[in-house]
Amino acid sequence: VMTTIWGDEGNECDIYSAIPGMLYHAEHAYTRQDEVNTTLLR
């Protein structure tokens, strides 16, 4: 699976705003459970 961050040539997206989503994705990758432990995620 893959996570992407999209911007345009002006890079109007704040890439740091994607960090929570990227960490959430990574947590899913490292657990067999259906849900991520949000306390641990935080």
PDB file of all heavy atoms in Angstrom:
ATOM      1  N   VAL A   1       0.864  -1.179   0.000  1.00  0.00           N
ATOM      2  CA  VAL A   1       0.000   0.000   0.000  1.00  0.00           C
ATOM      3  C   VAL A   1       0.901   1.230   0.000  1.00  0.00           C
ATOM      4  O   VAL A   1       2.090   1.135   0.319  1.00  0.00           O
ATOM      5  CB  VAL A   1      -0.965   0.028   1.208  1.00  0.00           C
ATOM      6  CG1 VAL A   1      -1.964  -1.096   1.125  1.00  0.00           C
ATOM      7  CG2 VAL A   1      -0.222  -0.026   2.516  1.00  0.00           C
ATOM      8  N   MET A   2       0.326   2.381  -0.335  1.00  0.00           N
ATOM      9  CA  MET A   2       1.147   3.577  -0.466  1.00  0.00           C
ATOM     10  C   MET A   2       0.346   4.794  -0.004  1.00  0.00           C
ATOM     11  O   MET A   2      -0.860   4.869  -0.211  1.00  0.00           O
ATOM     12  CB  MET A   2       1.543   3.729  -1.939  1.00  0.00           C
ATOM     13  CG  MET A   2       2.234   4.992  -2.278  1.00  0.00           C
ATOM     14  SD  MET A   2       2.803   5.093  -4.009  1.00  0.00           S
ATOM     15  CE  MET A   2       1.406   4.591  -4.950  1.00  0.00           C
ATOM     16  N   THR A   3       1.030   5.720   0.614  1.00  0.00           N
ATOM     17  CA  THR A   3       0.451   7.008   0.970  1.00  0.00           C
ATOM     18  C   THR A   3       1.151   8.063   0.132  1.00  0.00           C
ATOM     19  O   THR A   3       2.369   8.015  -0.030  1.00  0.00           O
ATOM     20  CB  THR A   3       0.672   7.323   2.461  1.00  0.00           C
ATOM     21  OG1 THR A   3       0.012   6.335   3.240  1.00  0.00           O
ATOM     22  CG2 THR A   3       0.147   8.684   2.825  1.00  0.00           C
ATOM     23  N   THR A   4       0.390   8.997  -0.401  1.00  0.00           N
ATOM     24  CA  THR A   4       0.984  10.066  -1.204  1.00  0.00           C
ATOM     25  C   THR A   4       0.541  11.419  -0.683  1.00  0.00           C
ATOM     26  O   THR A   4      -0.475  11.545  -0.012  1.00  0.00           O
ATOM     27  CB  THR A   4       0.584   9.956  -2.689  1.00  0.00           C
ATOM     28  OG1 THR A   4      -0.831  10.118  -2.796  1.00  0.00           O
ATOM     29  CG2 THR A   4       0.991   8.627  -3.273  1.00  0.00           C
ATOM     30  N   ILE A   5       1.313  12.426  -1.015  1.00  0.00           N
ATOM     31  CA  ILE A   5       0.976  13.813  -0.722  1.00  0.00           C
ATOM     32  C   ILE A   5       1.064  14.552  -2.055  1.00  0.00           C
ATOM     33  O   ILE A   5       2.082  14.489  -2.729  1.00  0.00           O
ATOM     34  CB  ILE A   5       1.962  14.444   0.283  1.00  0.00           C
ATOM     35  CG1 ILE A   5       2.010  13.631   1.565  1.00  0.00           C
ATOM     36  CG2 ILE A   5       1.594  15.887   0.567  1.00  0.00           C
ATOM     37  CD1 ILE A   5       3.134  14.042   2.490  1.00  0.00           C
ATOM     38  N   TRP A   6      -0.021  15.228  -2.416  1.00  0.00           N
ATOM     39  CA  TRP A   6      -0.065  15.905  -3.709  1.00  0.00           C
ATOM     40  C   TRP A   6      -0.019  17.418  -3.533  1.00  0.00           C
ATOM     41  O   TRP A   6      -0.641  17.974  -2.664  1.00  0.00           O
ATOM     42  CB  TRP A   6      -1.350  15.532  -4.452  1.00  0.00           C
ATOM     43  CG  TRP A   6      -1.371  14.104  -4.844  1.00  0.00           C
ATOM     44  CD1 TRP A   6      -1.751  13.047  -4.073  1.00  0.00           C
ATOM     45  CD2 TRP A   6      -0.960  13.549  -6.081  1.00  0.00           C
ATOM     46  NE1 TRP A   6      -1.612  11.868  -4.761  1.00  0.00           N
ATOM     47  CE2 TRP A   6      -1.137  12.150  -6.006  1.00  0.00           C
ATOM     48  CE3 TRP A   6      -0.471  14.090  -7.258  1.00  0.00           C
ATOM     49  CZ2 TRP A   6      -0.830  11.299  -7.060  1.00  0.00           C
ATOM     50  CZ3 TRP A   6      -0.173  13.230  -8.304  1.00  0.00           C
ATOM     51  CH2 TRP A   6      -0.348  11.867  -8.204  1.00  0.00           C
ATOM     52  N   GLY A   7       0.728  18.045  -4.383  1.00  0.00           N
ATOM     53  CA  GLY A   7       0.766  19.497  -4.478  1.00  0.00           C
ATOM     54  C   GLY A   7       0.814  19.859  -5.945  1.00  0.00           C
ATOM     55  O   GLY A   7       0.815  18.992  -6.808  1.00  0.00           O
ATOM     56  N   ASP A   8       0.868  21.122  -6.256  1.00  0.00           N
ATOM     57  CA  ASP A   8       1.051  21.522  -7.646  1.00  0.00           C
ATOM     58  C   ASP A   8       2.396  22.208  -7.766  1.00  0.00           C
ATOM     59  O   ASP A   8       3.189  22.211  -6.821  1.00  0.00           O
ATOM     60  CB  ASP A   8      -0.103  22.404  -8.118  1.00  0.00           C
ATOM     61  CG  ASP A   8      -0.213  23.697  -7.325  1.00  0.00           C
ATOM     62  OD1 ASP A   8       0.706  24.005  -6.554  1.00  0.00           O
ATOM     63  OD2 ASP A   8      -1.220  24.393  -7.487  1.00  0.00           O
ATOM     64  N   GLU A   9       2.663  22.801  -8.916  1.00  0.00           N
ATOM     65  CA  GLU A   9       3.977  23.418  -9.104  1.00  0.00           C
ATOM     66  C   GLU A   9       4.252  24.548  -8.115  1.00  0.00           C
ATOM     67  O   GLU A   9       5.391  24.895  -7.863  1.00  0.00           O
ATOM     68  CB  GLU A   9       4.174  23.896 -10.548  1.00  0.00           C
ATOM     69  CG  GLU A   9       3.209  24.954 -11.016  1.00  0.00           C
ATOM     70  CD  GLU A   9       1.846  24.406 -11.420  1.00  0.00           C
ATOM     71  OE1 GLU A   9       1.682  23.220 -11.716  1.00  0.00           O
ATOM     72  OE2 GLU A   9       0.913  25.206 -11.406  1.00  0.00           O
ATOM     73  N   GLY A  10       3.186  25.120  -7.537  1.00  0.00           N
ATOM     74  CA  GLY A  10       3.359  26.154  -6.523  1.00  0.00           C
ATOM     75  C   GLY A  10       3.462  25.575  -5.126  1.00  0.00           C
ATOM     76  O   GLY A  10       3.701  26.278  -4.167  1.00  0.00           O
ATOM     77  N   ASN A  11       3.269  24.270  -4.999  1.00  0.00           N
ATOM     78  CA  ASN A  11       3.327  23.543  -3.731  1.00  0.00           C
ATOM     79  C   ASN A  11       2.518  24.252  -2.656  1.00  0.00           C
ATOM     80  O   ASN A  11       3.023  24.616  -1.611  1.00  0.00           O
ATOM     81  CB  ASN A  11       4.774  23.341  -3.298  1.00  0.00           C
ATOM     82  CG  ASN A  11       4.889  22.203  -2.306  1.00  0.00           C
ATOM     83  OD1 ASN A  11       4.005  21.350  -2.234  1.00  0.00           O
ATOM     84  ND2 ASN A  11       5.950  22.169  -1.545  1.00  0.00           N
ATOM     85  N   GLU A  12       1.219  24.441  -2.952  1.00  0.00           N
ATOM     86  CA  GLU A  12       0.333  25.146  -2.026  1.00  0.00           C
ATOM     87  C   GLU A  12      -0.038  24.326  -0.802  1.00  0.00           C
ATOM     88  O   GLU A  12      -0.664  24.820   0.107  1.00  0.00           O
ATOM     89  CB  GLU A  12      -0.930  25.579  -2.757  1.00  0.00           C
ATOM     90  CG  GLU A  12      -0.634  26.570  -3.857  1.00  0.00           C
ATOM     91  CD  GLU A  12      -1.832  26.857  -4.729  1.00  0.00           C
ATOM     92  OE1 GLU A  12      -2.913  26.314  -4.475  1.00  0.00           O
ATOM     93  OE2 GLU A  12      -1.679  27.643  -5.663  1.00  0.00           O
ATOM     94  N   CYS A  13       0.328  23.082  -0.786  1.00  0.00           N
ATOM     95  CA  CYS A  13      -0.006  22.194   0.330  1.00  0.00           C
ATOM     96  C   CYS A  13       1.089  22.269   1.393  1.00  0.00           C
ATOM     97  O   CYS A  13       2.273  22.195   1.080  1.00  0.00           O
ATOM     98  CB  CYS A  13      -0.128  20.762  -0.185  1.00  0.00           C
ATOM     99  SG  CYS A  13      -0.343  19.533   1.098  1.00  0.00           S
ATOM    100  N   ASP A  14       0.692  22.427   2.615  1.00  0.00           N
ATOM    101  CA  ASP A  14       1.647  22.360   3.719  1.00  0.00           C
ATOM    102  C   ASP A  14       1.927  20.886   3.985  1.00  0.00           C
ATOM    103  O   ASP A  14       1.085  20.171   4.531  1.00  0.00           O
ATOM    104  CB  ASP A  14       1.063  23.031   4.962  1.00  0.00           C
ATOM    105  CG  ASP A  14       1.932  22.852   6.184  1.00  0.00           C
ATOM    106  OD1 ASP A  14       3.135  22.573   6.035  1.00  0.00           O
ATOM    107  OD2 ASP A  14       1.402  22.977   7.291  1.00  0.00           O
ATOM    108  N   ILE A  15       3.092  20.411   3.577  1.00  0.00           N
ATOM    109  CA  ILE A  15       3.381  18.981   3.686  1.00  0.00           C
ATOM    110  C   ILE A  15       3.385  18.497   5.137  1.00  0.00           C
ATOM    111  O   ILE A  15       3.101  17.340   5.398  1.00  0.00           O
ATOM    112  CB  ILE A  15       4.691  18.599   2.981  1.00  0.00           C
ATOM    113  CG1 ILE A  15       5.882  19.336   3.584  1.00  0.00           C
ATOM    114  CG2 ILE A  15       4.594  18.841   1.495  1.00  0.00           C
ATOM    115  CD1 ILE A  15       7.226  18.837   3.079  1.00  0.00           C
ATOM    116  N   TYR A  16       3.653  19.381   6.065  1.00  0.00           N
ATOM    117  CA  TYR A  16       3.674  18.974   7.468  1.00  0.00           C
ATOM    118  C   TYR A  16       2.273  18.643   7.993  1.00  0.00           C
ATOM    119  O   TYR A  16       2.120  17.898   8.947  1.00  0.00           O
ATOM    120  CB  TYR A  16       4.329  20.046   8.337  1.00  0.00           C
ATOM    121  CG  TYR A  16       5.788  20.229   7.988  1.00  0.00           C
ATOM    122  CD1 TYR A  16       6.222  21.350   7.303  1.00  0.00           C
ATOM    123  CD2 TYR A  16       6.719  19.249   8.311  1.00  0.00           C
ATOM    124  CE1 TYR A  16       7.557  21.503   6.960  1.00  0.00           C
ATOM    125  CE2 TYR A  16       8.051  19.393   7.966  1.00  0.00           C
ATOM    126  CZ  TYR A  16       8.465  20.527   7.295  1.00  0.00           C
ATOM    127  OH  TYR A  16       9.770  20.661   6.954  1.00  0.00           O
ATOM    128  N   SER A  17       1.251  19.172   7.328  1.00  0.00           N
ATOM    129  CA  SER A  17      -0.111  18.872   7.751  1.00  0.00           C
ATOM    130  C   SER A  17      -0.475  17.415   7.472  1.00  0.00           C
ATOM    131  O   SER A  17      -1.455  16.906   7.994  1.00  0.00           O
ATOM    132  CB  SER A  17      -1.111  19.798   7.057  1.00  0.00           C
ATOM    133  OG  SER A  17      -1.152  19.534   5.665  1.00  0.00           O
ATOM    134  N   ALA A  18       0.315  16.737   6.654  1.00  0.00           N
ATOM    135  CA  ALA A  18       0.053  15.338   6.327  1.00  0.00           C
ATOM    136  C   ALA A  18       0.659  14.363   7.347  1.00  0.00           C
ATOM    137  O   ALA A  18       0.381  13.165   7.291  1.00  0.00           O
ATOM    138  CB  ALA A  18       0.604  15.016   4.940  1.00  0.00           C
ATOM    139  N   ILE A  19       1.459  14.867   8.264  1.00  0.00           N
ATOM    140  CA  ILE A  19       2.148  13.982   9.209  1.00  0.00           C
ATOM    141  C   ILE A  19       1.188  13.116  10.029  1.00  0.00           C
ATOM    142  O   ILE A  19       1.430  11.910  10.159  1.00  0.00           O
ATOM    143  CB  ILE A  19       3.108  14.783  10.124  1.00  0.00           C
ATOM    144  CG1 ILE A  19       4.228  15.391   9.276  1.00  0.00           C
ATOM    145  CG2 ILE A  19       3.694  13.893  11.212  1.00  0.00           C
ATOM    146  CD1 ILE A  19       5.134  16.329  10.041  1.00  0.00           C
ATOM    147  N   PRO A  20       0.087  13.639  10.581  1.00  0.00           N
ATOM    148  CA  PRO A  20      -0.817  12.757  11.330  1.00  0.00           C
ATOM    149  C   PRO A  20      -1.343  11.596  10.483  1.00  0.00           C
ATOM    150  O   PRO A  20      -1.401  10.455  10.940  1.00  0.00           O
ATOM    151  CB  PRO A  20      -1.951  13.679  11.778  1.00  0.00           C
ATOM    152  CG  PRO A  20      -1.349  15.030  11.812  1.00  0.00           C
ATOM    153  CD  PRO A  20      -0.362  15.042  10.680  1.00  0.00           C
ATOM    154  N   GLY A  21      -1.723  11.891   9.254  1.00  0.00           N
ATOM    155  CA  GLY A  21      -2.223  10.836   8.368  1.00  0.00           C
ATOM    156  C   GLY A  21      -1.160   9.813   8.015  1.00  0.00           C
ATOM    157  O   GLY A  21      -1.434   8.612   7.921  1.00  0.00           O
ATOM    158  N   MET A  22       0.061  10.273   7.820  1.00  0.00           N
ATOM    159  CA  MET A  22       1.156   9.357   7.498  1.00  0.00           C
ATOM    160  C   MET A  22       1.447   8.439   8.684  1.00  0.00           C
ATOM    161  O   MET A  22       1.682   7.243   8.514  1.00  0.00           O
ATOM    162  CB  MET A  22       2.396  10.152   7.091  1.00  0.00           C
ATOM    163  CG  MET A  22       2.199  10.887   5.781  1.00  0.00           C
ATOM    164  SD  MET A  22       3.522  12.034   5.394  1.00  0.00           S
ATOM    165  CE  MET A  22       4.912  10.948   5.242  1.00  0.00           C
ATOM    166  N   LEU A  23       1.432   8.987   9.885  1.00  0.00           N
ATOM    167  CA  LEU A  23       1.665   8.167  11.068  1.00  0.00           C
ATOM    168  C   LEU A  23       0.528   7.172  11.269  1.00  0.00           C
ATOM    169  O   LEU A  23       0.764   6.012  11.617  1.00  0.00           O
ATOM    170  CB  LEU A  23       1.843   9.034  12.311  1.00  0.00           C
ATOM    171  CG  LEU A  23       2.176   8.295  13.603  1.00  0.00           C
ATOM    172  CD1 LEU A  23       3.444   7.459  13.465  1.00  0.00           C
ATOM    173  CD2 LEU A  23       2.304   9.257  14.761  1.00  0.00           C
ATOM    174  N   TYR A  24      -0.713   7.613  11.015  1.00  0.00           N
ATOM    175  CA  TYR A  24      -1.862   6.718  11.114  1.00  0.00           C
ATOM    176  C   TYR A  24      -1.704   5.551  10.131  1.00  0.00           C
ATOM    177  O   TYR A  24      -1.925   4.399  10.487  1.00  0.00           O
ATOM    178  CB  TYR A  24      -3.139   7.501  10.826  1.00  0.00           C
ATOM    179  CG  TYR A  24      -4.401   6.683  10.893  1.00  0.00           C
ATOM    180  CD1 TYR A  24      -4.975   6.368  12.125  1.00  0.00           C
ATOM    181  CD2 TYR A  24      -5.030   6.227   9.743  1.00  0.00           C
ATOM    182  CE1 TYR A  24      -6.139   5.622  12.201  1.00  0.00           C
ATOM    183  CE2 TYR A  24      -6.191   5.478   9.808  1.00  0.00           C
ATOM    184  CZ  TYR A  24      -6.742   5.182  11.034  1.00  0.00           C
ATOM    185  OH  TYR A  24      -7.881   4.443  11.100  1.00  0.00           O
ATOM    186  N   HIS A  25      -1.307   5.848   8.923  1.00  0.00           N
ATOM    187  CA  HIS A  25      -1.071   4.818   7.908  1.00  0.00           C
ATOM    188  C   HIS A  25       0.020   3.848   8.372  1.00  0.00           C
ATOM    189  O   HIS A  25      -0.125   2.630   8.269  1.00  0.00           O
ATOM    190  CB  HIS A  25      -0.670   5.489   6.591  1.00  0.00           C
ATOM    191  CG  HIS A  25      -0.374   4.555   5.488  1.00  0.00           C
ATOM    192  ND1 HIS A  25      -1.298   4.188   4.557  1.00  0.00           N
ATOM    193  CD2 HIS A  25       0.761   3.897   5.167  1.00  0.00           C
ATOM    194  CE1 HIS A  25      -0.755   3.349   3.704  1.00  0.00           C
ATOM    195  NE2 HIS A  25       0.495   3.165   4.055  1.00  0.00           N
ATOM    196  N   ALA A  26       1.107   4.378   8.892  1.00  0.00           N
ATOM    197  CA  ALA A  26       2.206   3.544   9.374  1.00  0.00           C
ATOM    198  C   ALA A  26       1.768   2.647  10.533  1.00  0.00           C
ATOM    199  O   ALA A  26       2.145   1.475  10.594  1.00  0.00           O
ATOM    200  CB  ALA A  26       3.385   4.416   9.798  1.00  0.00           C
ATOM    201  N   GLU A  27       0.970   3.199  11.437  1.00  0.00           N
ATOM    202  CA  GLU A  27       0.488   2.394  12.564  1.00  0.00           C
ATOM    203  C   GLU A  27      -0.347   1.218  12.068  1.00  0.00           C
ATOM    204  O   GLU A  27      -0.249   0.118  12.604  1.00  0.00           O
ATOM    205  CB  GLU A  27      -0.332   3.258  13.523  1.00  0.00           C
ATOM    206  CG  GLU A  27       0.501   4.164  14.394  1.00  0.00           C
ATOM    207  CD  GLU A  27       1.438   3.383  15.312  1.00  0.00           C
ATOM    208  OE1 GLU A  27       0.966   2.575  16.123  1.00  0.00           O
ATOM    209  OE2 GLU A  27       2.652   3.582  15.184  1.00  0.00           O
ATOM    210  N   HIS A  28      -1.162   1.435  11.058  1.00  0.00           N
ATOM    211  CA  HIS A  28      -1.930   0.336  10.474  1.00  0.00           C
ATOM    212  C   HIS A  28      -1.000  -0.734   9.896  1.00  0.00           C
ATOM    213  O   HIS A  28      -1.275  -1.919   9.992  1.00  0.00           O
ATOM    214  CB  HIS A  28      -2.859   0.844   9.373  1.00  0.00           C
ATOM    215  CG  HIS A  28      -4.264   1.039   9.818  1.00  0.00           C
ATOM    216  ND1 HIS A  28      -5.078   0.005  10.228  1.00  0.00           N
ATOM    217  CD2 HIS A  28      -5.013   2.165   9.910  1.00  0.00           C
ATOM    218  CE1 HIS A  28      -6.259   0.486  10.551  1.00  0.00           C
ATOM    219  NE2 HIS A  28      -6.250   1.790  10.381  1.00  0.00           N
ATOM    220  N   ALA A  29       0.082  -0.280   9.306  1.00  0.00           N
ATOM    221  CA  ALA A  29       1.018  -1.222   8.670  1.00  0.00           C
ATOM    222  C   ALA A  29       1.709  -2.119   9.693  1.00  0.00           C
ATOM    223  O   ALA A  29       2.113  -3.232   9.356  1.00  0.00           O
ATOM    224  CB  ALA A  29       2.057  -0.454   7.860  1.00  0.00           C
ATOM    225  N   TYR A  30       1.838  -1.644  10.925  1.00  0.00           N
ATOM    226  CA  TYR A  30       2.575  -2.399  11.925  1.00  0.00           C
ATOM    227  C   TYR A  30       1.694  -3.082  12.963  1.00  0.00           C
ATOM    228  O   TYR A  30       2.186  -3.514  14.000  1.00  0.00           O
ATOM    229  CB  TYR A  30       3.603  -1.504  12.625  1.00  0.00           C
ATOM    230  CG  TYR A  30       4.737  -1.145  11.706  1.00  0.00           C
ATOM    231  CD1 TYR A  30       4.802   0.099  11.095  1.00  0.00           C
ATOM    232  CD2 TYR A  30       5.727  -2.072  11.419  1.00  0.00           C
ATOM    233  CE1 TYR A  30       5.834   0.419  10.240  1.00  0.00           C
ATOM    234  CE2 TYR A  30       6.765  -1.763  10.569  1.00  0.00           C
ATOM    235  CZ  TYR A  30       6.815  -0.519   9.977  1.00  0.00           C
ATOM    236  OH  TYR A  30       7.835  -0.213   9.116  1.00  0.00           O
ATOM    237  N   THR A  31       0.396  -3.178  12.688  1.00  0.00           N
ATOM    238  CA  THR A  31      -0.489  -3.908  13.591  1.00  0.00           C
ATOM    239  C   THR A  31      -1.425  -4.788  12.779  1.00  0.00           C
ATOM    240  O   THR A  31      -1.802  -4.444  11.673  1.00  0.00           O
ATOM    241  CB  THR A  31      -1.308  -2.966  14.499  1.00  0.00           C
ATOM    242  OG1 THR A  31      -2.104  -3.749  15.385  1.00  0.00           O
ATOM    243  CG2 THR A  31      -2.207  -2.040  13.712  1.00  0.00           C
ATOM    244  N   ARG A  32      -1.786  -5.909  13.336  1.00  0.00           N
ATOM    245  CA  ARG A  32      -2.744  -6.793  12.675  1.00  0.00           C
ATOM    246  C   ARG A  32      -4.182  -6.443  13.051  1.00  0.00           C
ATOM    247  O   ARG A  32      -5.121  -6.930  12.455  1.00  0.00           O
ATOM    248  CB  ARG A  32      -2.464  -8.247  13.058  1.00  0.00           C
ATOM    249  CG  ARG A  32      -1.143  -8.758  12.541  1.00  0.00           C
ATOM    250  CD  ARG A  32      -0.988 -10.234  12.879  1.00  0.00           C
ATOM    251  NE  ARG A  32       0.334 -10.711  12.568  1.00  0.00           N
ATOM    252  CZ  ARG A  32       0.662 -11.266  11.402  1.00  0.00           C
ATOM    253  NH1 ARG A  32      -0.230 -11.384  10.465  1.00  0.00           N
ATOM    254  NH2 ARG A  32       1.888 -11.684  11.198  1.00  0.00           N
ATOM    255  N   GLN A  33      -4.337  -5.588  14.052  1.00  0.00           N
ATOM    256  CA  GLN A  33      -5.672  -5.195  14.496  1.00  0.00           C
ATOM    257  C   GLN A  33      -6.351  -4.323  13.442  1.00  0.00           C
ATOM    258  O   GLN A  33      -5.694  -3.648  12.643  1.00  0.00           O
ATOM    259  CB  GLN A  33      -5.578  -4.436  15.818  1.00  0.00           C
ATOM    260  CG  GLN A  33      -4.989  -5.260  16.934  1.00  0.00           C
ATOM    261  CD  GLN A  33      -4.712  -4.433  18.177  1.00  0.00           C
ATOM    262  OE1 GLN A  33      -4.761  -3.220  18.146  1.00  0.00           O
ATOM    263  NE2 GLN A  33      -4.411  -5.114  19.265  1.00  0.00           N
ATOM    264  N   ASP A  34      -7.691  -4.338  13.449  1.00  0.00           N
ATOM    265  CA  ASP A  34      -8.440  -3.529  12.494  1.00  0.00           C
ATOM    266  C   ASP A  34      -8.355  -2.043  12.795  1.00  0.00           C
ATOM    267  O   ASP A  34      -8.444  -1.219  11.898  1.00  0.00           O
ATOM    268  CB  ASP A  34      -9.918  -3.940  12.479  1.00  0.00           C
ATOM    269  CG  ASP A  34     -10.152  -5.223  11.713  1.00  0.00           C
ATOM    270  OD1 ASP A  34      -9.270  -5.633  10.936  1.00  0.00           O
ATOM    271  OD2 ASP A  34     -11.232  -5.818  11.899  1.00  0.00           O
ATOM    272  N   GLU A  35      -8.211  -1.703  14.055  1.00  0.00           N
ATOM    273  CA  GLU A  35      -8.168  -0.296  14.448  1.00  0.00           C
ATOM    274  C   GLU A  35      -6.823   0.050  15.074  1.00  0.00           C
ATOM    275  O   GLU A  35      -6.191  -0.779  15.718  1.00  0.00           O
ATOM    276  CB  GLU A  35      -9.288   0.025  15.440  1.00  0.00           C
ATOM    277  CG  GLU A  35     -10.677  -0.062  14.848  1.00  0.00           C
ATOM    278  CD  GLU A  35     -10.920   0.958  13.759  1.00  0.00           C
ATOM    279  OE1 GLU A  35     -10.328   2.063  13.803  1.00  0.00           O
ATOM    280  OE2 GLU A  35     -11.696   0.656  12.841  1.00  0.00           O
ATOM    281  N   VAL A  36      -6.427   1.294  14.897  1.00  0.00           N
ATOM    282  CA  VAL A  36      -5.195   1.810  15.484  1.00  0.00           C
ATOM    283  C   VAL A  36      -5.497   2.274  16.901  1.00  0.00           C
ATOM    284  O   VAL A  36      -6.547   2.865  17.162  1.00  0.00           O
ATOM    285  CB  VAL A  36      -4.665   2.982  14.632  1.00  0.00           C
ATOM    286  CG1 VAL A  36      -3.573   3.744  15.339  1.00  0.00           C
ATOM    287  CG2 VAL A  36      -4.192   2.474  13.283  1.00  0.00           C
ATOM    288  N   ASN A  37      -4.591   2.027  17.822  1.00  0.00           N
ATOM    289  CA  ASN A  37      -4.712   2.510  19.186  1.00  0.00           C
ATOM    290  C   ASN A  37      -4.434   4.015  19.168  1.00  0.00           C
ATOM    291  O   ASN A  37      -3.291   4.446  19.050  1.00  0.00           O
ATOM    292  CB  ASN A  37      -3.714   1.772  20.081  1.00  0.00           C
ATOM    293  CG  ASN A  37      -3.754   2.227  21.517  1.00  0.00           C
ATOM    294  OD1 ASN A  37      -4.091   3.359  21.836  1.00  0.00           O
ATOM    295  ND2 ASN A  37      -3.372   1.321  22.405  1.00  0.00           N
ATOM    296  N   THR A  38      -5.490   4.827  19.256  1.00  0.00           N
ATOM    297  CA  THR A  38      -5.322   6.272  19.114  1.00  0.00           C
ATOM    298  C   THR A  38      -4.563   6.912  20.279  1.00  0.00           C
ATOM    299  O   THR A  38      -3.887   7.919  20.084  1.00  0.00           O
ATOM    300  CB  THR A  38      -6.679   6.969  18.925  1.00  0.00           C
ATOM    301  OG1 THR A  38      -7.543   6.627  20.008  1.00  0.00           O
ATOM    302  CG2 THR A  38      -7.316   6.564  17.609  1.00  0.00           C
ATOM    303  N   THR A  39      -4.644   6.324  21.434  1.00  0.00           N
ATOM    304  CA  THR A  39      -3.871   6.844  22.568  1.00  0.00           C
ATOM    305  C   THR A  39      -2.381   6.693  22.285  1.00  0.00           C
ATOM    306  O   THR A  39      -1.603   7.642  22.458  1.00  0.00           O
ATOM    307  CB  THR A  39      -4.241   6.106  23.874  1.00  0.00           C
ATOM    308  OG1 THR A  39      -5.633   6.273  24.114  1.00  0.00           O
ATOM    309  CG2 THR A  39      -3.445   6.645  25.054  1.00  0.00           C
ATOM    310  N   LEU A  40      -2.001   5.529  21.819  1.00  0.00           N
ATOM    311  CA  LEU A  40      -0.600   5.279  21.467  1.00  0.00           C
ATOM    312  C   LEU A  40      -0.188   6.129  20.263  1.00  0.00           C
ATOM    313  O   LEU A  40       0.925   6.657  20.224  1.00  0.00           O
ATOM    314  CB  LEU A  40      -0.390   3.793  21.173  1.00  0.00           C
ATOM    315  CG  LEU A  40       1.028   3.332  20.906  1.00  0.00           C
ATOM    316  CD1 LEU A  40       1.951   3.672  22.069  1.00  0.00           C
ATOM    317  CD2 LEU A  40       1.043   1.830  20.643  1.00  0.00           C
ATOM    318  N   LEU A  41      -1.080   6.284  19.300  1.00  0.00           N
ATOM    319  CA  LEU A  41      -0.806   7.113  18.122  1.00  0.00           C
ATOM    320  C   LEU A  41      -0.474   8.541  18.541  1.00  0.00           C
ATOM    321  O   LEU A  41       0.501   9.127  18.067  1.00  0.00           O
ATOM    322  CB  LEU A  41      -2.014   7.100  17.186  1.00  0.00           C
ATOM    323  CG  LEU A  41      -1.935   7.978  15.947  1.00  0.00           C
ATOM    324  CD1 LEU A  41      -0.973   7.371  14.938  1.00  0.00           C
ATOM    325  CD2 LEU A  41      -3.304   8.151  15.329  1.00  0.00           C
ATOM    326  N   ARG A  42      -1.274   9.098  19.444  1.00  0.00           N
ATOM    327  CA  ARG A  42      -1.032  10.465  19.915  1.00  0.00           C
ATOM    328  C   ARG A  42       0.317  10.575  20.639  1.00  0.00           C
ATOM    329  O   ARG A  42       1.066  11.525  20.429  1.00  0.00           O
ATOM    330  CB  ARG A  42      -2.150  10.910  20.846  1.00  0.00           C
ATOM    331  CG  ARG A  42      -3.407  11.307  20.147  1.00  0.00           C
ATOM    332  CD  ARG A  42      -4.480  11.739  21.164  1.00  0.00           C
ATOM    333  NE  ARG A  42      -5.634  12.279  20.495  1.00  0.00           N
ATOM    334  CZ  ARG A  42      -6.623  11.542  20.013  1.00  0.00           C
ATOM    335  NH1 ARG A  42      -6.605  10.225  20.131  1.00  0.00           N
ATOM    336  NH2 ARG A  42      -7.641  12.115  19.409  1.00  0.00           N
TER     337      ARG A  42
END
